[in-house]
All heavy atoms as atom14 arrays in JSON, in Angstrom:
{
  "sequence": "PAVAENYELIAPAPVAEPPENTRLREWDNADIIHQIN",
  "atom14_mask": [
    [1, 1, 1, 1, 1, 1, 1, 0, 0, 0, 0, 0, 0, 0],
    [1, 1, 1, 1, 1, 0, 0, 0, 0, 0, 0, 0, 0, 0],
    [1, 1, 1, 1, 1, 1, 1, 0, 0, 0, 0, 0, 0, 0],
    [1, 1, 1, 1, 1, 0, 0, 0, 0, 0, 0, 0, 0, 0],
    [1, 1, 1, 1, 1, 1, 1, 1, 1, 0, 0, 0, 0, 0],
    [1, 1, 1, 1, 1, 1, 1, 1, 0, 0, 0, 0, 0, 0],
    [1, 1, 1, 1, 1, 1, 1, 1, 1, 1, 1, 1, 0, 0],
    [1, 1, 1, 1, 1, 1, 1, 1, 1, 0, 0, 0, 0, 0],
    [1, 1, 1, 1, 1, 1, 1, 1, 0, 0, 0, 0, 0, 0],
    [1, 1, 1, 1, 1, 1, 1, 1, 0, 0, 0, 0, 0, 0],
    [1, 1, 1, 1, 1, 0, 0, 0, 0, 0, 0, 0, 0, 0],
    [1, 1, 1, 1, 1, 1, 1, 0, 0, 0, 0, 0, 0, 0],
    [1, 1, 1, 1, 1, 0, 0, 0, 0, 0, 0, 0, 0, 0],
    [1, 1, 1, 1, 1, 1, 1, 0, 0, 0, 0, 0, 0, 0],
    [1, 1, 1, 1, 1, 1, 1, 0, 0, 0, 0, 0, 0, 0],
    [1, 1, 1, 1, 1, 0, 0, 0, 0, 0, 0, 0, 0, 0],
    [1, 1, 1, 1, 1, 1, 1, 1, 1, 0, 0, 0, 0, 0],
    [1, 1, 1, 1, 1, 1, 1, 0, 0, 0, 0, 0, 0, 0],
    [1, 1, 1, 1, 1, 1, 1, 0, 0, 0, 0, 0, 0, 0],
    [1, 1, 1, 1, 1, 1, 1, 1, 1, 0, 0, 0, 0, 0],
    [1, 1, 1, 1, 1, 1, 1, 1, 0, 0, 0, 0, 0, 0],
    [1, 1, 1, 1, 1, 1, 1, 0, 0, 0, 0, 0, 0, 0],
    [1, 1, 1, 1, 1, 1, 1, 1, 1, 1, 1, 0, 0, 0],
    [1, 1, 1, 1, 1, 1, 1, 1, 0, 0, 0, 0, 0, 0],
    [1, 1, 1, 1, 1, 1, 1, 1, 1, 1, 1, 0, 0, 0],
    [1, 1, 1, 1, 1, 1, 1, 1, 1, 0, 0, 0, 0, 0],
    [1, 1, 1, 1, 1, 1, 1, 1, 1, 1, 1, 1, 1, 1],
    [1, 1, 1, 1, 1, 1, 1, 1, 0, 0, 0, 0, 0, 0],
    [1, 1, 1, 1, 1, 1, 1, 1, 0, 0, 0, 0, 0, 0],
    [1, 1, 1, 1, 1, 0, 0, 0, 0, 0, 0, 0, 0, 0],
    [1, 1, 1, 1, 1, 1, 1, 1, 0, 0, 0, 0, 0, 0],
    [1, 1, 1, 1, 1, 1, 1, 1, 0, 0, 0, 0, 0, 0],
    [1, 1, 1, 1, 1, 1, 1, 1, 0, 0, 0, 0, 0, 0],
    [1, 1, 1, 1, 1, 1, 1, 1, 1, 1, 0, 0, 0, 0],
    [1, 1, 1, 1, 1, 1, 1, 1, 1, 0, 0, 0, 0, 0],
    [1, 1, 1, 1, 1, 1, 1, 1, 0, 0, 0, 0, 0, 0],
    [1, 1, 1, 1, 1, 1, 1, 1, 0, 0, 0, 0, 0, 0]
  ],
  "atom14_positions": [
    [[0.8, -1.25, 0.02], [0.05, 0.07, -0.01], [0.84, 1.22, -0.07], [0.48, 2.26, -0.6], [-0.83, -0.14, 1.25], [-0.9, -1.64, 1.52], [0.5, -2.16, 1.06], [0.0, 0.0, 0.0], [0.0, 0.0, 0.0], [0.0, 0.0, 0.0], [0.0, 0.0, 0.0], [0.0, 0.0, 0.0], [0.0, 0.0, 0.0], [0.0, 0.0, 0.0]],
    [[1.96, 1.28, 0.76], [2.83, 2.44, 0.74], [3.41, 2.69, -0.64], [3.47, 3.92, -0.98], [3.88, 2.28, 1.86], [0.0, 0.0, 0.0], [0.0, 0.0, 0.0], [0.0, 0.0, 0.0], [0.0, 0.0, 0.0], [0.0, 0.0, 0.0], [0.0, 0.0, 0.0], [0.0, 0.0, 0.0], [0.0, 0.0, 0.0], [0.0, 0.0, 0.0]],
    [[3.85, 1.68, -1.22], [4.37, 1.74, -2.6], [3.31, 2.32, -3.5], [3.67, 3.15, -4.38], [5.01, 0.48, -3.04], [5.49, 0.57, -4.51], [6.16, 0.0, -2.19], [0.0, 0.0, 0.0], [0.0, 0.0, 0.0], [0.0, 0.0, 0.0], [0.0, 0.0, 0.0], [0.0, 0.0, 0.0], [0.0, 0.0, 0.0], [0.0, 0.0, 0.0]],
    [[2.18, 1.78, -3.45], [1.07, 2.2, -4.4], [0.8, 3.63, -4.12], [0.44, 4.33, -5.09], [-0.1, 1.38, -4.18], [0.0, 0.0, 0.0], [0.0, 0.0, 0.0], [0.0, 0.0, 0.0], [0.0, 0.0, 0.0], [0.0, 0.0, 0.0], [0.0, 0.0, 0.0], [0.0, 0.0, 0.0], [0.0, 0.0, 0.0], [0.0, 0.0, 0.0]],
    [[0.71, 4.12, -2.85], [0.39, 5.48, -2.61], [1.53, 6.42, -3.14], [1.13, 7.43, -3.67], [0.33, 5.66, -1.11], [-0.08, 7.08, -0.68], [-0.25, 7.15, 0.81], [-0.16, 6.15, 1.56], [-0.43, 8.31, 1.2], [0.0, 0.0, 0.0], [0.0, 0.0, 0.0], [0.0, 0.0, 0.0], [0.0, 0.0, 0.0], [0.0, 0.0, 0.0]],
    [[2.73, 5.99, -2.91], [3.8, 6.94, -3.57], [3.78, 6.99, -5.08], [3.98, 7.99, -5.66], [5.17, 6.41, -3.03], [5.44, 6.53, -1.56], [4.69, 7.37, -0.98], [6.28, 5.69, -1.06], [0.0, 0.0, 0.0], [0.0, 0.0, 0.0], [0.0, 0.0, 0.0], [0.0, 0.0, 0.0], [0.0, 0.0, 0.0], [0.0, 0.0, 0.0]],
    [[3.44, 5.79, -5.66], [3.31, 5.73, -7.06], [2.16, 6.68, -7.62], [2.3, 7.36, -8.6], [2.98, 4.32, -7.63], [2.8, 4.27, -9.07], [3.81, 4.25, -9.91], [1.51, 4.07, -9.61], [3.73, 4.13, -11.28], [1.25, 4.03, -10.96], [2.31, 4.02, -11.73], [2.22, 3.86, -13.11], [0.0, 0.0, 0.0], [0.0, 0.0, 0.0]],
    [[1.06, 6.79, -6.87], [0.01, 7.5, -7.38], [0.35, 8.97, -7.29], [-0.23, 9.77, -8.1], [-1.23, 7.31, -6.46], [-1.83, 5.89, -6.61], [-2.97, 5.53, -5.62], [-3.19, 6.5, -4.71], [-3.55, 4.51, -5.79], [0.0, 0.0, 0.0], [0.0, 0.0, 0.0], [0.0, 0.0, 0.0], [0.0, 0.0, 0.0], [0.0, 0.0, 0.0]],
    [[1.34, 9.46, -6.45], [1.64, 10.77, -6.34], [2.43, 11.27, -7.61], [2.39, 12.48, -7.9], [2.5, 11.02, -5.06], [1.75, 10.85, -3.73], [2.68, 10.94, -2.56], [0.64, 11.81, -3.65], [0.0, 0.0, 0.0], [0.0, 0.0, 0.0], [0.0, 0.0, 0.0], [0.0, 0.0, 0.0], [0.0, 0.0, 0.0], [0.0, 0.0, 0.0]],
    [[3.15, 10.34, -8.22], [4.07, 10.76, -9.26], [3.51, 10.18, -10.62], [3.9, 10.62, -11.68], [5.36, 10.21, -9.18], [5.44, 8.65, -9.07], [6.03, 10.75, -7.92], [6.9, 7.97, -9.03], [0.0, 0.0, 0.0], [0.0, 0.0, 0.0], [0.0, 0.0, 0.0], [0.0, 0.0, 0.0], [0.0, 0.0, 0.0], [0.0, 0.0, 0.0]],
    [[2.49, 9.25, -10.57], [1.94, 8.7, -11.86], [1.18, 9.64, -12.6], [0.43, 10.41, -11.97], [1.24, 7.51, -11.54], [0.0, 0.0, 0.0], [0.0, 0.0, 0.0], [0.0, 0.0, 0.0], [0.0, 0.0, 0.0], [0.0, 0.0, 0.0], [0.0, 0.0, 0.0], [0.0, 0.0, 0.0], [0.0, 0.0, 0.0], [0.0, 0.0, 0.0]],
    [[1.17, 9.68, -13.85], [0.22, 10.54, -14.71], [-1.21, 10.08, -14.58], [-1.38, 8.9, -14.16], [0.79, 10.41, -16.11], [1.41, 9.08, -16.14], [2.01, 8.79, -14.76], [0.0, 0.0, 0.0], [0.0, 0.0, 0.0], [0.0, 0.0, 0.0], [0.0, 0.0, 0.0], [0.0, 0.0, 0.0], [0.0, 0.0, 0.0], [0.0, 0.0, 0.0]],
    [[-2.04, 10.93, -15.1], [-3.47, 10.5, -14.94], [-3.74, 9.27, -15.77], [-3.2, 9.3, -16.98], [-4.34, 11.8, -15.43], [0.0, 0.0, 0.0], [0.0, 0.0, 0.0], [0.0, 0.0, 0.0], [0.0, 0.0, 0.0], [0.0, 0.0, 0.0], [0.0, 0.0, 0.0], [0.0, 0.0, 0.0], [0.0, 0.0, 0.0], [0.0, 0.0, 0.0]],
    [[-4.57, 8.4, -15.33], [-4.72, 7.14, -16.09], [-5.47, 7.45, -17.41], [-6.32, 8.27, -17.52], [-5.61, 6.32, -15.13], [-6.23, 7.3, -14.18], [-5.2, 8.36, -14.08], [0.0, 0.0, 0.0], [0.0, 0.0, 0.0], [0.0, 0.0, 0.0], [0.0, 0.0, 0.0], [0.0, 0.0, 0.0], [0.0, 0.0, 0.0], [0.0, 0.0, 0.0]],
    [[-5.08, 6.69, -18.43], [-5.67, 6.78, -19.64], [-6.71, 5.63, -19.77], [-6.44, 4.49, -19.5], [-4.65, 6.68, -20.85], [-5.39, 6.73, -22.23], [-3.7, 7.85, -20.78], [0.0, 0.0, 0.0], [0.0, 0.0, 0.0], [0.0, 0.0, 0.0], [0.0, 0.0, 0.0], [0.0, 0.0, 0.0], [0.0, 0.0, 0.0], [0.0, 0.0, 0.0]],
    [[-7.9, 6.03, -20.39], [-8.95, 4.97, -20.51], [-8.39, 3.73, -21.27], [-7.71, 3.91, -22.41], [-10.12, 5.51, -21.3], [0.0, 0.0, 0.0], [0.0, 0.0, 0.0], [0.0, 0.0, 0.0], [0.0, 0.0, 0.0], [0.0, 0.0, 0.0], [0.0, 0.0, 0.0], [0.0, 0.0, 0.0], [0.0, 0.0, 0.0], [0.0, 0.0, 0.0]],
    [[-8.53, 2.55, -20.77], [-8.06, 1.34, -21.44], [-9.18, 0.52, -22.05], [-10.39, 0.63, -21.66], [-7.29, 0.58, -20.45], [-8.07, 0.0, -19.31], [-7.38, -0.88, -18.33], [-6.18, -1.04, -18.52], [-8.0, -1.49, -17.42], [0.0, 0.0, 0.0], [0.0, 0.0, 0.0], [0.0, 0.0, 0.0], [0.0, 0.0, 0.0], [0.0, 0.0, 0.0]],
    [[-8.81, -0.25, -22.98], [-9.95, -1.11, -23.61], [-10.55, -2.07, -22.52], [-9.88, -2.49, -21.63], [-9.13, -1.96, -24.78], [-7.94, -1.15, -24.89], [-7.54, -0.45, -23.63], [0.0, 0.0, 0.0], [0.0, 0.0, 0.0], [0.0, 0.0, 0.0], [0.0, 0.0, 0.0], [0.0, 0.0, 0.0], [0.0, 0.0, 0.0], [0.0, 0.0, 0.0]],
    [[-11.82, -2.41, -22.53], [-12.38, -3.24, -21.59], [-11.75, -4.57, -21.55], [-11.62, -5.17, -20.44], [-13.85, -3.36, -22.13], [-14.15, -2.09, -22.83], [-12.83, -1.66, -23.54], [0.0, 0.0, 0.0], [0.0, 0.0, 0.0], [0.0, 0.0, 0.0], [0.0, 0.0, 0.0], [0.0, 0.0, 0.0], [0.0, 0.0, 0.0], [0.0, 0.0, 0.0]],
    [[-11.17, -5.1, -22.63], [-10.47, -6.35, -22.49], [-9.24, -6.28, -21.69], [-8.84, -7.24, -21.05], [-10.11, -6.86, -23.96], [-9.36, -8.24, -23.95], [-9.45, -8.97, -25.23], [-10.48, -9.14, -25.83], [-8.31, -9.4, -25.64], [0.0, 0.0, 0.0], [0.0, 0.0, 0.0], [0.0, 0.0, 0.0], [0.0, 0.0, 0.0], [0.0, 0.0, 0.0]],
    [[-8.54, -5.15, -21.66], [-7.39, -5.1, -20.76], [-7.72, -5.21, -19.33], [-7.0, -5.98, -18.49], [-6.71, -3.77, -20.93], [-5.9, -3.58, -22.28], [-6.12, -4.36, -23.12], [-5.08, -2.53, -22.35], [0.0, 0.0, 0.0], [0.0, 0.0, 0.0], [0.0, 0.0, 0.0], [0.0, 0.0, 0.0], [0.0, 0.0, 0.0], [0.0, 0.0, 0.0]],
    [[-8.95, -4.74, -18.9], [-9.38, -4.88, -17.49], [-9.76, -6.31, -17.24], [-9.36, -6.98, -16.26], [-10.6, -3.97, -17.28], [-10.22, -2.68, -17.51], [-11.06, -4.11, -15.93], [0.0, 0.0, 0.0], [0.0, 0.0, 0.0], [0.0, 0.0, 0.0], [0.0, 0.0, 0.0], [0.0, 0.0, 0.0], [0.0, 0.0, 0.0], [0.0, 0.0, 0.0]],
    [[-10.48, -6.93, -18.33], [-10.82, -8.38, -18.14], [-9.66, -9.19, -18.09], [-9.52, -10.22, -17.24], [-11.78, -8.7, -19.3], [-13.03, -8.17, -19.33], [-14.04, -8.94, -20.4], [-13.61, -8.55, -21.71], [-14.15, -7.53, -22.42], [-15.07, -6.78, -21.94], [-13.83, -7.4, -23.74], [0.0, 0.0, 0.0], [0.0, 0.0, 0.0], [0.0, 0.0, 0.0]],
    [[-8.6, -9.01, -18.8], [-7.29, -9.81, -18.76], [-6.63, -9.74, -17.51], [-6.18, -10.65, -16.96], [-6.54, -9.45, -20.02], [-5.21, -10.22, -20.24], [-5.59, -11.69, -20.42], [-4.4, -9.76, -21.41], [0.0, 0.0, 0.0], [0.0, 0.0, 0.0], [0.0, 0.0, 0.0], [0.0, 0.0, 0.0], [0.0, 0.0, 0.0], [0.0, 0.0, 0.0]],
    [[-6.54, -8.47, -17.04], [-5.93, -8.27, -15.72], [-6.6, -8.96, -14.49], [-6.06, -9.7, -13.73], [-5.88, -6.85, -15.46], [-5.08, -6.49, -14.01], [-4.69, -5.01, -13.98], [-5.82, -4.1, -14.11], [-6.24, -3.33, -15.14], [-5.27, -3.38, -16.15], [-7.17, -2.77, -15.12], [0.0, 0.0, 0.0], [0.0, 0.0, 0.0], [0.0, 0.0, 0.0]],
    [[-7.92, -8.89, -14.57], [-8.72, -9.63, -13.62], [-8.63, -11.14, -13.74], [-8.62, -11.92, -12.69], [-10.27, -9.24, -13.7], [-10.54, -7.77, -13.25], [-11.89, -7.27, -13.57], [-12.72, -8.06, -14.21], [-12.3, -6.23, -13.18], [0.0, 0.0, 0.0], [0.0, 0.0, 0.0], [0.0, 0.0, 0.0], [0.0, 0.0, 0.0], [0.0, 0.0, 0.0]],
    [[-8.55, -11.61, -15.03], [-8.42, -13.09, -15.21], [-7.04, -13.52, -14.61], [-7.05, -14.56, -14.0], [-8.47, -13.25, -16.76], [-8.24, -14.69, -17.22], [-6.98, -15.13, -17.51], [-9.12, -15.63, -17.48], [-7.06, -16.45, -17.92], [-8.39, -16.77, -17.93], [-10.4, -15.89, -17.32], [-8.91, -18.04, -18.22], [-11.05, -17.01, -17.58], [-10.41, -18.1, -18.04]],
    [[-5.93, -12.77, -14.9], [-4.69, -13.17, -14.49], [-4.69, -13.07, -12.9], [-4.06, -14.0, -12.23], [-3.66, -12.26, -14.98], [-3.3, -12.52, -16.46], [-3.61, -13.67, -16.94], [-2.86, -11.63, -17.24], [0.0, 0.0, 0.0], [0.0, 0.0, 0.0], [0.0, 0.0, 0.0], [0.0, 0.0, 0.0], [0.0, 0.0, 0.0], [0.0, 0.0, 0.0]],
    [[-5.23, -12.12, -12.36], [-5.24, -11.92, -10.91], [-5.96, -13.15, -10.14], [-5.67, -13.46, -9.05], [-5.79, -10.61, -10.47], [-4.9, -9.47, -10.85], [-3.75, -9.69, -11.32], [-5.49, -8.17, -10.74], [0.0, 0.0, 0.0], [0.0, 0.0, 0.0], [0.0, 0.0, 0.0], [0.0, 0.0, 0.0], [0.0, 0.0, 0.0], [0.0, 0.0, 0.0]],
    [[-7.06, -13.56, -10.85], [-7.81, -14.6, -10.24], [-7.24, -15.97, -10.4], [-7.83, -16.97, -9.82], [-9.32, -14.56, -10.89], [0.0, 0.0, 0.0], [0.0, 0.0, 0.0], [0.0, 0.0, 0.0], [0.0, 0.0, 0.0], [0.0, 0.0, 0.0], [0.0, 0.0, 0.0], [0.0, 0.0, 0.0], [0.0, 0.0, 0.0], [0.0, 0.0, 0.0]],
    [[-6.18, -16.17, -11.04], [-5.59, -17.42, -11.28], [-5.21, -18.0, -9.85], [-4.62, -17.38, -9.01], [-4.37, -17.25, -12.18], [-3.88, -18.69, -12.73], [-4.25, -19.62, -12.12], [-3.28, -18.72, -13.82], [0.0, 0.0, 0.0], [0.0, 0.0, 0.0], [0.0, 0.0, 0.0], [0.0, 0.0, 0.0], [0.0, 0.0, 0.0], [0.0, 0.0, 0.0]],
    [[-5.4, -19.37, -9.87], [-5.07, -20.08, -8.6], [-3.71, -19.85, -8.12], [-3.27, -19.92, -6.97], [-5.47, -21.56, -8.59], [-5.41, -22.28, -7.3], [-4.57, -22.26, -9.69], [-5.94, -23.65, -7.34], [0.0, 0.0, 0.0], [0.0, 0.0, 0.0], [0.0, 0.0, 0.0], [0.0, 0.0, 0.0], [0.0, 0.0, 0.0], [0.0, 0.0, 0.0]],
    [[-2.78, -19.67, -9.03], [-1.38, -19.63, -8.73], [-0.95, -18.25, -8.03], [0.01, -18.12, -7.37], [-0.42, -19.77, -9.98], [-0.69, -18.63, -10.96], [-0.51, -21.19, -10.6], [0.25, -18.65, -12.13], [0.0, 0.0, 0.0], [0.0, 0.0, 0.0], [0.0, 0.0, 0.0], [0.0, 0.0, 0.0], [0.0, 0.0, 0.0], [0.0, 0.0, 0.0]],
    [[-1.91, -17.35, -8.21], [-1.74, -16.08, -7.55], [-2.56, -15.96, -6.28], [-2.64, -14.9, -5.56], [-2.03, -14.87, -8.39], [-1.12, -14.84, -9.63], [0.26, -14.81, -9.49], [-1.46, -14.86, -10.98], [0.73, -14.74, -10.77], [-0.25, -14.81, -11.62], [0.0, 0.0, 0.0], [0.0, 0.0, 0.0], [0.0, 0.0, 0.0], [0.0, 0.0, 0.0]],
    [[-3.32, -17.0, -5.94], [-4.27, -16.97, -4.72], [-3.82, -17.84, -3.72], [-4.23, -17.64, -2.51], [-5.74, -17.44, -5.27], [-6.27, -16.49, -6.38], [-6.46, -15.1, -5.9], [-6.98, -14.87, -4.69], [-6.31, -14.12, -6.63], [0.0, 0.0, 0.0], [0.0, 0.0, 0.0], [0.0, 0.0, 0.0], [0.0, 0.0, 0.0], [0.0, 0.0, 0.0]],
    [[-3.06, -19.05, -3.99], [-2.69, -20.01, -2.92], [-1.18, -19.97, -2.75], [-0.41, -20.13, -3.71], [-3.25, -21.33, -3.4], [-4.86, -21.28, -3.45], [-2.81, -22.45, -2.42], [-5.5, -22.59, -3.89], [0.0, 0.0, 0.0], [0.0, 0.0, 0.0], [0.0, 0.0, 0.0], [0.0, 0.0, 0.0], [0.0, 0.0, 0.0], [0.0, 0.0, 0.0]],
    [[-0.85, -19.94, -1.45], [0.52, -20.09, -1.1], [0.97, -21.45, -1.22], [0.44, -22.4, -0.74], [0.7, -19.62, 0.44], [2.13, -19.44, 0.82], [2.95, -20.42, 0.71], [2.56, -18.27, 1.24], [0.0, 0.0, 0.0], [0.0, 0.0, 0.0], [0.0, 0.0, 0.0], [0.0, 0.0, 0.0], [0.0, 0.0, 0.0], [0.0, 0.0, 0.0]]
  ]
}
């Protein structure tokens, strides 16, 4: 969270992304390899 907060202070305003980019990111994040230790 601290890294994310610092990043937001220097990052440019987000550019609208294609809906598929959002879907692909959510798909990758939901993978079992990123959910289970």
